[in-house]
N, C-alpha and C. Protein backbone atom coordinates (compact mmCIF):
# COMPACT_ATOMS: atom_id res chain seq x y z
N UNK A 1 3.33 64.63 299.74
CA UNK A 1 3.82 66.15 299.61
C UNK A 1 5.03 66.42 299.25
N UNK A 2 5.30 67.40 298.45
CA UNK A 2 6.74 67.56 297.72
C UNK A 2 7.23 68.52 298.63
N UNK A 3 8.58 68.41 298.91
CA UNK A 3 9.24 69.32 300.01
C UNK A 3 10.59 69.82 299.25
N UNK A 4 11.28 70.99 299.50
CA UNK A 4 12.20 71.31 298.94
C UNK A 4 13.19 72.11 299.70
N UNK A 5 14.37 72.06 299.46
CA UNK A 5 15.04 72.81 300.36
C UNK A 5 16.04 73.68 299.43
N UNK A 6 16.54 74.89 299.73
CA UNK A 6 17.08 75.76 299.07
C UNK A 6 18.10 76.51 299.81
N UNK A 7 19.54 76.45 299.38
CA UNK A 7 20.54 77.02 299.89
C UNK A 7 20.48 78.35 299.60
N UNK A 8 20.41 79.56 300.33
CA UNK A 8 20.06 80.90 300.12
C UNK A 8 21.44 81.63 300.55
N UNK A 9 22.24 81.02 301.18
CA UNK A 9 23.68 81.89 301.95
C UNK A 9 24.37 80.96 302.51
N UNK A 10 25.78 81.45 302.45
CA UNK A 10 26.83 80.65 302.45
C UNK A 10 27.86 81.01 303.47
N UNK A 11 28.11 80.20 304.78
CA UNK A 11 29.03 80.95 305.80
C UNK A 11 30.59 80.19 305.99
N UNK A 12 31.33 80.75 306.21
CA UNK A 12 32.54 79.61 306.16
C UNK A 12 33.56 80.68 307.17
N UNK A 13 34.12 79.64 308.23
CA UNK A 13 35.22 79.81 308.78
C UNK A 13 36.15 78.65 308.99
N UNK A 14 37.40 78.67 308.26
CA UNK A 14 38.10 77.45 307.80
C UNK A 14 39.54 78.10 307.86
N UNK A 15 40.39 76.77 307.93
CA UNK A 15 41.85 77.15 307.89
C UNK A 15 41.95 77.90 306.79
N UNK A 16 41.33 78.32 305.44
CA UNK A 16 41.49 78.93 304.51
C UNK A 16 41.48 80.36 304.38
N UNK A 17 40.22 80.68 305.74
CA UNK A 17 39.96 82.33 305.68
C UNK A 17 38.87 82.06 306.36
N UNK A 18 38.33 83.32 306.98
CA UNK A 18 37.05 83.62 307.71
C UNK A 18 36.39 84.62 306.49
N UNK A 19 35.24 83.95 306.24
CA UNK A 19 34.42 84.34 305.19
C UNK A 19 34.40 83.73 303.94
N UNK A 20 33.30 83.43 303.14
CA UNK A 20 33.23 82.93 302.24
C UNK A 20 34.32 83.22 300.76
N UNK A 21 34.63 84.46 300.80
CA UNK A 21 35.41 84.97 299.80
C UNK A 21 36.76 84.77 299.98
N UNK A 22 37.17 84.69 301.17
CA UNK A 22 38.69 84.46 301.64
C UNK A 22 39.06 83.44 301.31
N UNK A 23 37.98 82.35 301.87
CA UNK A 23 38.11 80.88 301.63
C UNK A 23 38.13 80.34 300.34
N UNK A 24 37.40 80.98 299.56
CA UNK A 24 37.33 81.03 298.12
C UNK A 24 38.39 81.11 297.35
N UNK A 25 39.21 82.23 297.74
CA UNK A 25 40.40 82.98 297.20
C UNK A 25 41.47 81.72 297.29
N UNK A 26 41.64 81.23 298.45
CA UNK A 26 42.70 80.25 298.92
C UNK A 26 42.41 78.86 297.94
N UNK A 27 41.05 78.55 297.82
CA UNK A 27 40.86 77.36 297.21
C UNK A 27 41.26 77.67 295.73
N UNK A 28 40.92 78.49 294.99
CA UNK A 28 41.07 78.94 293.77
C UNK A 28 42.46 78.88 293.23
N UNK A 29 43.23 79.21 294.20
CA UNK A 29 44.65 79.57 294.11
C UNK A 29 45.41 78.38 294.42
N UNK A 30 44.65 77.41 295.16
CA UNK A 30 45.53 76.01 295.13
C UNK A 30 46.69 76.19 296.34
N UNK A 31 46.33 76.97 296.92
CA UNK A 31 47.23 77.18 298.12
C UNK A 31 46.85 76.62 299.54
N UNK A 32 47.92 75.86 300.00
CA UNK A 32 47.48 75.02 301.38
C UNK A 32 47.82 76.08 302.31
N UNK A 33 46.85 75.69 303.71
CA UNK A 33 46.71 76.44 305.07
C UNK A 33 47.48 75.37 306.13
N UNK A 34 48.29 74.40 305.61
CA UNK A 34 49.11 73.75 306.59
C UNK A 34 50.02 74.23 307.03
N UNK A 35 50.36 73.98 308.41
CA UNK A 35 51.60 74.90 309.13
C UNK A 35 51.97 74.35 310.18
N UNK A 36 52.66 74.92 311.03
CA UNK A 36 53.33 74.24 312.32
C UNK A 36 52.07 74.78 313.17
N UNK A 37 51.66 74.12 314.19
CA UNK A 37 50.68 74.36 315.10
C UNK A 37 51.27 75.26 316.11
N UNK A 38 50.07 76.33 316.45
CA UNK A 38 50.19 77.48 317.17
C UNK A 38 49.38 77.64 318.10
N UNK A 39 48.13 76.73 317.96
CA UNK A 39 47.11 77.00 319.04
C UNK A 39 47.41 76.29 320.54
N UNK A 40 48.35 75.32 320.44
CA UNK A 40 48.45 74.65 321.82
C UNK A 40 50.12 74.11 321.40
N UNK A 41 50.78 73.63 322.44
CA UNK A 41 52.16 73.46 322.51
C UNK A 41 52.08 71.97 321.85
N UNK A 42 52.46 71.48 320.62
CA UNK A 42 52.77 70.39 320.12
C UNK A 42 53.71 69.33 320.44
N UNK A 43 54.41 69.94 321.35
CA UNK A 43 55.75 69.33 321.36
C UNK A 43 55.75 67.68 321.79
N UNK A 44 54.67 67.58 322.44
CA UNK A 44 54.53 66.01 322.79
C UNK A 44 53.95 65.00 322.02
N UNK A 45 53.68 65.63 320.82
CA UNK A 45 53.22 64.63 319.69
C UNK A 45 54.23 64.53 318.58
N UNK A 46 53.78 63.50 317.93
CA UNK A 46 54.66 63.09 316.63
C UNK A 46 54.51 64.22 315.56
N UNK A 47 53.14 64.43 315.20
CA UNK A 47 53.10 65.39 314.35
C UNK A 47 52.77 66.85 314.87
N UNK A 48 53.40 67.70 314.30
CA UNK A 48 53.27 68.93 314.94
C UNK A 48 52.81 70.29 313.46
N UNK A 49 52.31 69.63 313.00
CA UNK A 49 51.50 70.51 311.84
C UNK A 49 49.76 70.12 311.53
N UNK A 50 49.41 71.13 311.19
CA UNK A 50 47.95 71.17 311.06
C UNK A 50 47.58 72.28 309.94
N UNK A 51 46.19 72.46 309.80
CA UNK A 51 45.54 73.40 309.10
C UNK A 51 44.82 74.20 310.20
N UNK A 52 45.20 75.37 310.49
CA UNK A 52 44.63 76.02 311.69
C UNK A 52 43.78 77.15 311.06
N UNK A 53 42.59 77.53 312.13
CA UNK A 53 41.86 78.74 311.53
C UNK A 53 42.36 79.83 312.30
N UNK A 54 42.61 81.03 311.52
CA UNK A 54 42.89 82.10 312.20
C UNK A 54 42.03 82.90 312.51
N UNK A 55 41.36 83.27 313.61
CA UNK A 55 40.12 83.37 313.97
C UNK A 55 40.09 84.52 315.04
N UNK A 56 39.62 85.47 315.17
CA UNK A 56 39.56 86.50 316.19
C UNK A 56 38.26 86.92 316.38
N UNK A 57 37.66 86.23 317.39
CA UNK A 57 36.27 86.36 317.38
C UNK A 57 35.62 87.79 317.58
N UNK A 58 36.36 88.60 318.15
CA UNK A 58 35.80 90.07 318.10
C UNK A 58 35.72 90.86 317.20
N UNK A 59 36.82 90.61 315.99
CA UNK A 59 36.84 91.12 314.72
C UNK A 59 35.70 90.51 314.08
N UNK A 60 35.34 89.06 314.33
CA UNK A 60 34.37 88.31 313.73
C UNK A 60 32.71 88.88 313.88
N UNK A 61 32.78 89.59 314.81
CA UNK A 61 31.58 90.34 315.35
C UNK A 61 31.06 89.70 316.62
N UNK A 62 31.55 88.73 317.23
CA UNK A 62 31.12 88.44 318.63
C UNK A 62 31.37 89.37 320.02
N UNK A 63 30.33 89.48 320.89
CA UNK A 63 30.38 90.15 322.03
C UNK A 63 31.56 89.65 323.00
N UNK A 64 32.04 90.27 323.80
CA UNK A 64 32.68 89.79 325.11
C UNK A 64 32.18 88.81 325.91
N UNK A 65 30.72 88.95 326.24
CA UNK A 65 29.91 87.95 326.50
C UNK A 65 29.55 86.66 325.82
N UNK A 66 29.47 86.72 324.30
CA UNK A 66 29.37 85.68 323.77
C UNK A 66 30.79 84.86 323.85
N UNK A 67 31.77 85.51 323.56
CA UNK A 67 33.20 84.81 323.47
C UNK A 67 33.12 83.98 324.78
N UNK A 68 32.99 84.65 325.79
CA UNK A 68 33.14 83.89 327.27
C UNK A 68 32.30 82.76 327.18
N UNK A 69 30.84 82.83 326.93
CA UNK A 69 30.10 81.77 327.05
C UNK A 69 30.22 80.75 326.03
N UNK A 70 30.72 81.13 324.69
CA UNK A 70 30.65 80.01 323.75
C UNK A 70 32.03 79.13 323.64
N UNK A 71 32.12 78.25 323.13
CA UNK A 71 33.29 77.61 323.19
C UNK A 71 33.77 77.73 321.40
N UNK A 72 34.94 77.77 321.44
CA UNK A 72 35.31 77.98 319.85
C UNK A 72 34.58 77.25 318.77
N UNK A 73 33.96 76.09 318.93
CA UNK A 73 33.53 75.68 317.52
C UNK A 73 32.13 76.38 317.84
N UNK A 74 31.73 76.51 318.48
CA UNK A 74 30.18 77.35 318.56
C UNK A 74 30.20 78.80 317.77
N UNK A 75 31.65 79.30 318.17
CA UNK A 75 31.64 80.84 317.73
C UNK A 75 31.76 80.65 316.26
N UNK A 76 32.51 79.59 315.78
CA UNK A 76 32.45 79.29 314.36
C UNK A 76 31.25 79.07 313.72
N UNK A 77 30.43 78.03 314.64
CA UNK A 77 28.80 78.11 313.98
C UNK A 77 28.20 79.19 314.01
N UNK A 78 28.11 80.00 314.96
CA UNK A 78 27.10 81.39 314.79
C UNK A 78 27.70 82.15 313.63
N UNK A 79 29.14 82.54 313.44
CA UNK A 79 29.85 83.50 312.36
C UNK A 79 29.30 82.85 311.29
N UNK A 80 29.41 81.59 311.24
CA UNK A 80 28.95 80.99 309.63
C UNK A 80 27.85 81.29 309.37
N UNK A 81 26.62 80.97 310.72
CA UNK A 81 25.14 81.41 310.39
C UNK A 81 24.96 82.89 309.88
N UNK A 82 25.89 83.72 310.67
CA UNK A 82 25.41 84.90 310.19
C UNK A 82 25.87 85.53 309.32
N UNK A 83 26.97 84.97 308.58
CA UNK A 83 27.26 85.16 306.92
C UNK A 83 26.51 84.54 306.19
N UNK A 84 25.81 83.44 306.42
CA UNK A 84 24.99 82.62 305.36
C UNK A 84 23.56 83.44 305.47
N UNK A 85 23.30 83.92 306.58
CA UNK A 85 21.98 84.84 306.55
C UNK A 85 22.21 86.24 306.00
N UNK A 86 23.30 86.93 306.30
CA UNK A 86 23.51 87.99 305.54
C UNK A 86 23.87 88.19 304.16
N UNK A 87 24.12 86.77 303.46
CA UNK A 87 24.16 86.83 302.10
C UNK A 87 22.90 86.17 301.63
N UNK A 88 21.69 85.89 302.18
CA UNK A 88 20.87 85.07 301.91
C UNK A 88 19.69 86.12 301.16
N UNK A 89 19.64 87.30 302.02
CA UNK A 89 18.75 88.25 301.41
C UNK A 89 17.13 87.71 302.10
N UNK A 90 17.30 87.00 303.23
CA UNK A 90 16.31 86.78 304.19
C UNK A 90 16.01 87.93 305.30
N UNK A 91 14.57 88.26 305.23
CA UNK A 91 14.34 89.49 306.37
C UNK A 91 14.03 88.47 307.53
N UNK A 92 14.73 88.11 308.48
CA UNK A 92 14.41 87.12 309.78
C UNK A 92 13.03 87.91 310.46
N UNK A 93 13.08 89.36 310.54
CA UNK A 93 11.97 90.12 311.37
C UNK A 93 10.48 89.69 310.61
N UNK A 94 10.65 89.21 309.16
CA UNK A 94 9.46 89.28 308.49
C UNK A 94 9.27 87.55 308.46
N UNK A 95 9.62 86.79 309.03
CA UNK A 95 9.34 85.37 309.50
C UNK A 95 8.96 85.13 310.61
N UNK A 96 8.15 84.18 310.85
CA UNK A 96 7.74 83.87 311.86
C UNK A 96 8.91 82.79 312.76
N UNK A 97 9.04 83.11 313.95
CA UNK A 97 10.35 82.70 314.65
C UNK A 97 10.12 80.89 314.89
N UNK A 98 8.64 80.71 314.92
CA UNK A 98 8.44 79.22 315.19
C UNK A 98 8.26 78.45 313.84
N UNK A 99 8.58 79.21 312.89
CA UNK A 99 8.99 78.15 311.68
C UNK A 99 10.22 78.52 311.30
N UNK A 100 11.03 78.98 311.73
CA UNK A 100 12.47 79.07 311.82
C UNK A 100 13.18 77.96 312.23
N UNK A 101 14.12 77.01 311.95
CA UNK A 101 14.64 76.01 312.60
C UNK A 101 16.11 76.06 312.00
N UNK A 102 17.06 75.24 313.01
CA UNK A 102 18.66 75.12 312.68
C UNK A 102 18.71 73.68 312.57
N UNK A 103 19.51 73.40 311.91
CA UNK A 103 19.93 71.91 311.68
C UNK A 103 21.52 72.01 311.70
N UNK A 104 22.45 71.46 312.48
CA UNK A 104 23.91 71.56 312.32
C UNK A 104 24.18 69.78 312.25
N UNK A 105 25.51 69.71 311.82
CA UNK A 105 26.07 68.49 312.02
C UNK A 105 27.61 68.85 312.65
N UNK A 106 27.85 68.10 313.38
CA UNK A 106 29.01 68.23 314.09
C UNK A 106 29.40 66.64 314.80
N UNK A 107 30.54 66.33 314.76
CA UNK A 107 31.13 65.00 315.50
C UNK A 107 31.46 65.08 316.96
N UNK A 108 31.67 66.35 317.31
CA UNK A 108 32.03 66.42 318.62
C UNK A 108 31.79 67.45 319.45
N UNK A 109 31.45 68.89 319.12
CA UNK A 109 30.80 69.52 319.50
C UNK A 109 31.96 70.63 320.26
N UNK A 110 31.48 70.84 321.65
CA UNK A 110 32.45 72.21 322.22
C UNK A 110 33.71 71.39 323.12
N UNK A 111 34.45 70.80 322.51
CA UNK A 111 35.27 69.93 323.17
C UNK A 111 36.59 71.06 323.80
N UNK A 112 36.90 71.88 323.12
CA UNK A 112 38.19 73.02 323.58
C UNK A 112 37.87 73.23 325.14
N UNK A 113 36.42 74.29 325.32
CA UNK A 113 36.09 74.55 326.65
C UNK A 113 35.85 73.41 327.44
N UNK A 114 35.42 72.12 327.16
CA UNK A 114 35.23 71.02 328.24
C UNK A 114 36.51 70.59 328.55
N UNK A 115 37.62 70.54 327.69
CA UNK A 115 38.77 70.20 328.11
C UNK A 115 39.76 71.31 329.07
N UNK A 116 39.26 72.29 328.60
CA UNK A 116 40.09 73.50 329.48
C UNK A 116 39.24 73.55 331.08
N UNK A 117 38.25 73.54 331.10
CA UNK A 117 37.44 73.10 332.56
C UNK A 117 37.89 71.84 332.92
N UNK A 118 37.90 70.81 332.51
CA UNK A 118 38.45 69.64 332.74
C UNK A 118 39.89 69.88 333.58
N UNK A 119 40.66 70.67 332.90
CA UNK A 119 42.33 70.91 333.36
C UNK A 119 42.17 71.41 334.92
N UNK A 120 41.25 72.81 334.78
CA UNK A 120 40.91 73.77 335.90
C UNK A 120 40.34 72.46 337.16
N UNK A 121 39.29 71.93 336.91
CA UNK A 121 38.85 71.24 337.85
C UNK A 121 39.42 70.07 338.45
N UNK A 122 40.35 69.25 337.65
CA UNK A 122 41.10 68.26 338.13
C UNK A 122 42.77 68.71 338.30
N UNK A 123 42.95 69.77 338.33
CA UNK A 123 44.11 69.97 338.74
C UNK A 123 45.00 69.46 337.63
N UNK A 124 45.11 69.63 336.22
CA UNK A 124 45.34 69.28 335.28
C UNK A 124 45.70 67.79 335.43
N UNK A 125 44.43 67.27 335.59
CA UNK A 125 44.52 65.65 335.77
C UNK A 125 45.23 64.89 336.91
N UNK A 126 45.78 65.44 337.99
CA UNK A 126 46.05 64.98 339.12
C UNK A 126 45.17 64.53 339.89
N UNK A 127 43.90 65.20 340.36
CA UNK A 127 42.72 64.39 340.92
C UNK A 127 41.53 64.20 340.04
N UNK A 128 41.40 62.67 340.60
CA UNK A 128 40.43 61.96 339.86
C UNK A 128 38.98 62.29 340.15
N UNK A 129 38.58 62.74 341.47
CA UNK A 129 37.50 63.19 341.74
C UNK A 129 37.76 64.47 341.86
N UNK A 130 36.56 65.22 341.55
CA UNK A 130 36.69 66.78 341.09
C UNK A 130 35.51 67.29 341.93
N UNK A 131 35.49 68.77 342.19
CA UNK A 131 34.46 69.17 342.81
C UNK A 131 33.77 70.11 341.76
N UNK A 132 32.58 69.72 341.45
CA UNK A 132 32.21 70.29 340.15
C UNK A 132 31.53 71.62 340.59
N UNK A 133 31.34 72.01 341.81
CA UNK A 133 30.90 73.40 342.22
C UNK A 133 31.83 74.78 341.76
N UNK A 134 33.27 73.91 341.57
CA UNK A 134 34.49 74.85 340.77
C UNK A 134 33.83 75.07 339.44
N UNK A 135 32.78 74.48 338.76
CA UNK A 135 33.08 74.46 337.18
C UNK A 135 32.00 75.82 337.03
N UNK A 136 32.44 76.40 335.71
CA UNK A 136 31.50 77.75 335.23
C UNK A 136 30.13 77.18 334.90
N UNK A 137 29.37 78.34 335.39
CA UNK A 137 28.26 78.04 335.00
C UNK A 137 27.43 77.32 333.42
N UNK A 138 28.20 77.27 332.82
CA UNK A 138 27.69 76.86 331.32
C UNK A 138 28.39 75.76 330.97
N UNK A 139 29.02 75.24 332.14
CA UNK A 139 29.68 73.61 331.65
C UNK A 139 29.11 72.74 331.28
N UNK A 140 27.40 72.52 331.49
CA UNK A 140 26.86 71.59 330.81
C UNK A 140 26.76 71.48 329.15
N UNK A 141 26.69 73.00 328.89
CA UNK A 141 26.57 73.44 327.55
C UNK A 141 27.86 73.25 326.79
N UNK A 142 29.00 73.12 327.41
CA UNK A 142 30.12 72.74 327.04
C UNK A 142 30.10 71.15 326.78
N UNK A 143 29.18 70.62 327.15
CA UNK A 143 29.41 68.79 327.44
C UNK A 143 28.44 68.47 326.18
N UNK A 144 27.64 68.82 325.94
CA UNK A 144 26.47 68.25 324.66
C UNK A 144 26.82 69.00 323.54
N UNK A 145 26.93 68.04 322.40
CA UNK A 145 27.08 68.43 321.10
C UNK A 145 26.20 69.71 320.61
N UNK A 146 25.04 69.58 321.08
CA UNK A 146 23.77 70.09 320.49
C UNK A 146 24.22 71.74 321.04
N UNK A 147 24.95 72.12 321.51
CA UNK A 147 25.17 73.28 321.93
C UNK A 147 25.13 74.35 320.72
N UNK A 148 26.05 73.61 319.48
CA UNK A 148 26.30 74.43 318.47
C UNK A 148 25.23 74.71 317.76
N UNK A 149 24.09 73.90 317.83
CA UNK A 149 22.64 74.32 317.51
C UNK A 149 21.88 75.30 318.17
N UNK A 150 21.77 75.20 319.40
CA UNK A 150 21.37 75.75 320.04
C UNK A 150 21.92 77.36 319.97
N UNK A 151 23.09 77.41 320.21
CA UNK A 151 23.75 78.93 320.08
C UNK A 151 23.30 79.56 318.83
N UNK A 152 23.32 78.72 317.87
CA UNK A 152 22.94 79.41 316.47
C UNK A 152 21.51 79.83 316.56
N UNK A 153 20.41 79.14 316.84
CA UNK A 153 19.50 79.26 317.22
C UNK A 153 19.16 80.40 317.94
N UNK A 154 19.80 80.60 319.16
CA UNK A 154 19.77 81.77 319.93
C UNK A 154 19.77 83.05 319.38
N UNK A 155 21.04 83.12 318.52
CA UNK A 155 21.65 84.10 317.80
C UNK A 155 20.54 84.46 316.98
N UNK A 156 19.75 83.71 315.91
CA UNK A 156 18.98 83.96 314.76
C UNK A 156 17.64 84.09 315.14
N UNK A 157 17.37 83.88 316.71
CA UNK A 157 15.68 83.84 317.13
C UNK A 157 15.11 82.88 316.43
N UNK A 158 15.70 81.68 316.44
CA UNK A 158 14.71 80.65 315.82
C UNK A 158 14.30 79.86 316.78
N UNK A 159 12.93 79.44 316.71
CA UNK A 159 11.84 78.95 317.84
C UNK A 159 11.32 77.75 317.28
N UNK A 160 11.84 77.23 316.05
CA UNK A 160 11.28 75.96 315.39
C UNK A 160 12.14 74.84 315.89
N UNK A 161 12.18 73.58 315.28
CA UNK A 161 12.86 72.75 315.39
C UNK A 161 14.33 72.97 315.50
N UNK A 162 15.08 72.64 316.43
CA UNK A 162 16.70 72.98 316.70
C UNK A 162 17.43 71.17 316.85
N UNK A 163 18.16 71.12 316.05
CA UNK A 163 18.73 69.54 316.19
C UNK A 163 20.49 69.61 315.75
N UNK A 164 21.03 68.76 316.26
CA UNK A 164 22.61 68.47 315.74
C UNK A 164 22.40 66.87 315.73
N UNK A 165 22.90 66.46 314.26
CA UNK A 165 23.29 65.38 314.08
C UNK A 165 24.72 65.03 314.44
N UNK A 166 24.97 63.97 315.14
CA UNK A 166 26.33 63.75 315.55
C UNK A 166 26.61 62.29 314.96
N UNK A 167 27.35 61.87 313.74
CA UNK A 167 27.30 60.50 313.05
C UNK A 167 29.05 60.53 312.59
N UNK A 168 29.76 61.05 313.47
CA UNK A 168 31.18 60.74 313.12
C UNK A 168 31.38 61.73 311.73
N UNK A 169 32.09 61.01 310.69
CA UNK A 169 32.77 61.76 309.47
C UNK A 169 31.67 62.04 308.90
N UNK A 170 30.36 61.62 308.76
CA UNK A 170 29.27 62.08 308.06
C UNK A 170 28.49 63.13 308.46
N UNK A 171 28.73 63.69 309.62
CA UNK A 171 27.88 64.94 310.45
C UNK A 171 27.54 65.85 309.42
N UNK A 172 28.35 66.25 308.87
CA UNK A 172 28.41 67.42 308.00
C UNK A 172 27.28 67.20 306.75
N UNK A 173 26.96 66.23 306.43
CA UNK A 173 26.28 65.82 305.30
C UNK A 173 24.51 65.56 305.77
N UNK A 174 24.59 65.10 307.00
CA UNK A 174 23.29 64.61 307.64
C UNK A 174 22.28 65.39 307.69
N UNK A 175 22.72 67.04 308.34
CA UNK A 175 21.34 67.61 308.37
C UNK A 175 21.01 68.22 306.80
N UNK A 176 21.40 68.46 305.80
CA UNK A 176 21.10 68.54 304.79
C UNK A 176 20.47 67.43 304.05
N UNK A 177 20.86 66.25 304.25
CA UNK A 177 19.80 65.28 303.64
C UNK A 177 18.48 65.30 304.46
N UNK A 178 18.53 65.44 305.78
CA UNK A 178 17.39 65.43 306.75
C UNK A 178 16.19 66.40 306.20
N UNK A 179 17.06 67.92 306.14
CA UNK A 179 16.30 68.87 305.30
C UNK A 179 15.62 68.61 304.19
N UNK A 180 16.25 68.00 303.47
CA UNK A 180 15.66 67.99 301.99
C UNK A 180 14.70 66.30 301.88
N UNK A 181 14.45 65.81 302.84
CA UNK A 181 13.70 64.65 302.70
C UNK A 181 12.49 64.76 303.24
């Protein structure tokens, strides 16, 4: 049986811009988005430059509840999926949600929220044994990389297969290869 996959929409959240058009403008102009790090205090590190994403989750359409529940990486994934779907022309209401699946590649998952929660629970690393009862209710979701795919599936109403491939540097290629075989 021959199967094929078709790319119907593209979503981008990247250092070059939020949205496909903004990102393409940066690429086409050949501009670098590398700068001094502002997301955290880099003074303890040799390198203090990076390509950061200027991302405002409210401006990107996320609710306060979504922002509180989702790690920054999951917010990126949901915003990308929303843009890709908007550009696809697909009518999700006309599709069987059981046939709608999500496949994402990520090497690490929701590490920013996990690191923040560790700082709180361990008193910034001073306590080796932590009291897990102080953890936020969605702590488990911050630990597992598949949360990115689950958040996208939840957002689009997908009830079919949901997967996350975590294979280091090739993670971004794996889901597409799997979907096409």
